[in-house]
Amino acid sequence: MDSGERAEVILETGDMLLIEPRCAHAFSALEYAQAIEASPTEFDAGDFFPRVLGSGPAG
């Protein structure tokens, strides 16, 4: 969110991706997929900013 930097990664079965704090992120699947998102902190709805992909200054 702070740098505006963008990256794209293709994950394979069993891969894990660490996303640092303040890093906006979105996932899309090339085929049927399931993902688990986990955090060591309790969910805070005030820290959740939904966006439509492709919108905003970087989109």
N, C-alpha and C. Protein backbone atom coordinates (compact mmCIF):
# COMPACT_ATOMS: atom_id res chain seq x y z
N MET A 1 0.82 -1.18 0.00
CA MET A 1 0.00 0.00 0.00
C MET A 1 0.87 1.25 0.00
N ASP A 2 1.98 1.19 0.67
CA ASP A 2 2.80 2.38 0.81
C ASP A 2 3.64 2.66 -0.44
N SER A 3 4.17 1.62 -1.07
CA SER A 3 5.10 1.82 -2.18
C SER A 3 4.43 1.81 -3.54
N GLY A 4 3.26 1.20 -3.66
CA GLY A 4 2.62 1.07 -4.96
C GLY A 4 3.23 -0.05 -5.80
N GLU A 5 4.22 -0.74 -5.25
CA GLU A 5 4.87 -1.83 -5.96
C GLU A 5 3.88 -2.95 -6.24
N ARG A 6 4.02 -3.61 -7.39
CA ARG A 6 3.15 -4.72 -7.76
C ARG A 6 3.99 -5.95 -8.08
N ALA A 7 3.42 -7.11 -7.80
CA ALA A 7 4.09 -8.36 -8.13
C ALA A 7 3.04 -9.40 -8.48
N GLU A 8 3.41 -10.36 -9.30
CA GLU A 8 2.52 -11.46 -9.64
C GLU A 8 3.29 -12.75 -9.44
N VAL A 9 2.67 -13.70 -8.74
CA VAL A 9 3.32 -14.96 -8.43
C VAL A 9 2.36 -16.09 -8.77
N ILE A 10 2.84 -17.11 -9.44
CA ILE A 10 2.03 -18.30 -9.68
C ILE A 10 2.45 -19.36 -8.68
N LEU A 11 1.50 -19.78 -7.85
CA LEU A 11 1.78 -20.77 -6.81
C LEU A 11 1.40 -22.16 -7.28
N GLU A 12 2.12 -23.13 -6.82
CA GLU A 12 1.85 -24.54 -7.11
C GLU A 12 1.28 -25.20 -5.86
N THR A 13 0.72 -26.38 -6.01
CA THR A 13 0.15 -27.12 -4.89
C THR A 13 1.15 -27.19 -3.74
N GLY A 14 0.69 -26.81 -2.54
CA GLY A 14 1.52 -26.87 -1.34
C GLY A 14 2.36 -25.63 -1.09
N ASP A 15 2.40 -24.70 -2.04
CA ASP A 15 3.19 -23.48 -1.84
C ASP A 15 2.57 -22.62 -0.75
N MET A 16 3.40 -21.79 -0.12
CA MET A 16 2.95 -20.86 0.89
C MET A 16 3.54 -19.49 0.55
N LEU A 17 2.75 -18.46 0.76
CA LEU A 17 3.19 -17.11 0.47
C LEU A 17 3.03 -16.26 1.71
N LEU A 18 4.08 -15.58 2.13
CA LEU A 18 4.03 -14.69 3.28
C LEU A 18 3.79 -13.27 2.78
N ILE A 19 2.73 -12.64 3.27
CA ILE A 19 2.40 -11.28 2.88
C ILE A 19 2.64 -10.37 4.09
N GLU A 20 3.50 -9.41 3.91
CA GLU A 20 3.88 -8.52 5.01
C GLU A 20 2.73 -7.56 5.36
N PRO A 21 2.73 -7.03 6.58
CA PRO A 21 1.72 -6.04 6.96
C PRO A 21 1.73 -4.84 6.01
N ARG A 22 0.58 -4.24 5.82
CA ARG A 22 0.35 -3.07 4.96
C ARG A 22 0.59 -3.37 3.49
N CYS A 23 0.52 -4.64 3.11
CA CYS A 23 0.67 -5.03 1.72
C CYS A 23 -0.71 -5.46 1.20
N ALA A 24 -1.34 -4.59 0.43
CA ALA A 24 -2.63 -4.94 -0.16
C ALA A 24 -2.43 -6.15 -1.07
N HIS A 25 -3.38 -7.07 -1.08
CA HIS A 25 -3.22 -8.26 -1.89
C HIS A 25 -4.56 -8.80 -2.37
N ALA A 26 -4.52 -9.54 -3.45
CA ALA A 26 -5.70 -10.19 -4.02
C ALA A 26 -5.23 -11.50 -4.65
N PHE A 27 -6.13 -12.44 -4.71
CA PHE A 27 -5.81 -13.74 -5.29
C PHE A 27 -6.80 -14.05 -6.40
N SER A 28 -6.34 -14.67 -7.47
CA SER A 28 -7.22 -15.21 -8.51
C SER A 28 -6.65 -16.56 -8.93
N ALA A 29 -7.54 -17.49 -9.20
CA ALA A 29 -7.11 -18.86 -9.52
C ALA A 29 -7.16 -19.10 -11.03
N LEU A 30 -6.16 -19.81 -11.52
CA LEU A 30 -6.13 -20.21 -12.93
C LEU A 30 -7.03 -21.42 -13.16
N GLU A 31 -7.31 -22.16 -12.09
CA GLU A 31 -8.21 -23.31 -12.12
C GLU A 31 -8.77 -23.46 -10.70
N TYR A 32 -9.64 -24.47 -10.48
CA TYR A 32 -10.24 -24.65 -9.16
C TYR A 32 -9.13 -24.67 -8.10
N ALA A 33 -9.32 -23.92 -7.04
CA ALA A 33 -8.32 -23.83 -5.99
C ALA A 33 -8.98 -23.53 -4.65
N GLN A 34 -8.29 -23.88 -3.59
CA GLN A 34 -8.70 -23.51 -2.24
C GLN A 34 -7.49 -22.90 -1.56
N ALA A 35 -7.75 -21.89 -0.73
CA ALA A 35 -6.66 -21.22 -0.02
C ALA A 35 -7.08 -20.98 1.42
N ILE A 36 -6.11 -20.94 2.29
CA ILE A 36 -6.34 -20.61 3.70
C ILE A 36 -5.53 -19.36 4.00
N GLU A 37 -6.19 -18.35 4.52
CA GLU A 37 -5.49 -17.13 4.92
C GLU A 37 -5.50 -17.10 6.44
N ALA A 38 -4.34 -16.98 7.04
CA ALA A 38 -4.22 -17.01 8.50
C ALA A 38 -3.43 -15.80 8.98
N SER A 39 -3.73 -15.36 10.19
CA SER A 39 -3.03 -14.22 10.78
C SER A 39 -2.85 -14.46 12.27
N PRO A 40 -1.73 -14.01 12.83
CA PRO A 40 -1.53 -14.18 14.27
C PRO A 40 -2.37 -13.19 15.09
N THR A 41 -2.98 -12.22 14.42
CA THR A 41 -3.79 -11.24 15.14
C THR A 41 -5.28 -11.46 14.85
N GLU A 42 -6.11 -11.01 15.76
CA GLU A 42 -7.55 -11.13 15.61
C GLU A 42 -8.03 -10.24 14.47
N PHE A 43 -9.05 -10.71 13.72
CA PHE A 43 -9.59 -9.94 12.60
C PHE A 43 -10.14 -8.61 13.10
N ASP A 44 -9.81 -7.54 12.41
CA ASP A 44 -10.29 -6.19 12.74
C ASP A 44 -10.96 -5.63 11.49
N ALA A 45 -12.30 -5.53 11.49
CA ALA A 45 -13.05 -5.05 10.33
C ALA A 45 -12.61 -3.64 9.92
N GLY A 46 -12.10 -2.85 10.85
CA GLY A 46 -11.62 -1.51 10.54
C GLY A 46 -10.32 -1.52 9.75
N ASP A 47 -9.68 -2.69 9.63
CA ASP A 47 -8.43 -2.84 8.91
C ASP A 47 -8.65 -3.56 7.59
N PHE A 48 -9.88 -3.58 7.12
CA PHE A 48 -10.27 -4.31 5.92
C PHE A 48 -10.77 -3.32 4.89
N PHE A 49 -10.16 -3.27 3.72
CA PHE A 49 -10.51 -2.30 2.69
C PHE A 49 -10.80 -3.01 1.37
N PRO A 50 -12.03 -3.47 1.17
CA PRO A 50 -12.35 -4.18 -0.08
C PRO A 50 -12.23 -3.26 -1.29
N ARG A 51 -11.73 -3.79 -2.39
CA ARG A 51 -11.59 -3.04 -3.64
C ARG A 51 -11.93 -3.94 -4.79
N VAL A 52 -12.42 -3.38 -5.85
CA VAL A 52 -12.64 -4.10 -7.09
C VAL A 52 -11.31 -4.15 -7.82
N LEU A 53 -10.91 -5.35 -8.26
CA LEU A 53 -9.63 -5.46 -8.96
C LEU A 53 -9.64 -4.57 -10.19
N GLY A 54 -8.55 -3.88 -10.40
CA GLY A 54 -8.42 -2.99 -11.53
C GLY A 54 -8.88 -1.57 -11.23
N SER A 55 -9.36 -1.32 -10.02
CA SER A 55 -9.80 0.04 -9.68
C SER A 55 -8.70 0.75 -8.91
N GLY A 56 -8.81 2.02 -8.80
CA GLY A 56 -7.86 2.79 -8.01
C GLY A 56 -6.65 3.21 -8.80
N PRO A 57 -5.74 3.92 -8.17
CA PRO A 57 -4.59 4.52 -8.86
C PRO A 57 -3.65 3.50 -9.49
N ALA A 58 -3.49 2.33 -8.87
CA ALA A 58 -2.55 1.34 -9.42
C ALA A 58 -3.22 0.42 -10.42
N GLY A 59 -4.59 0.45 -10.51
CA GLY A 59 -5.31 -0.51 -11.32
C GLY A 59 -5.47 -0.13 -12.71
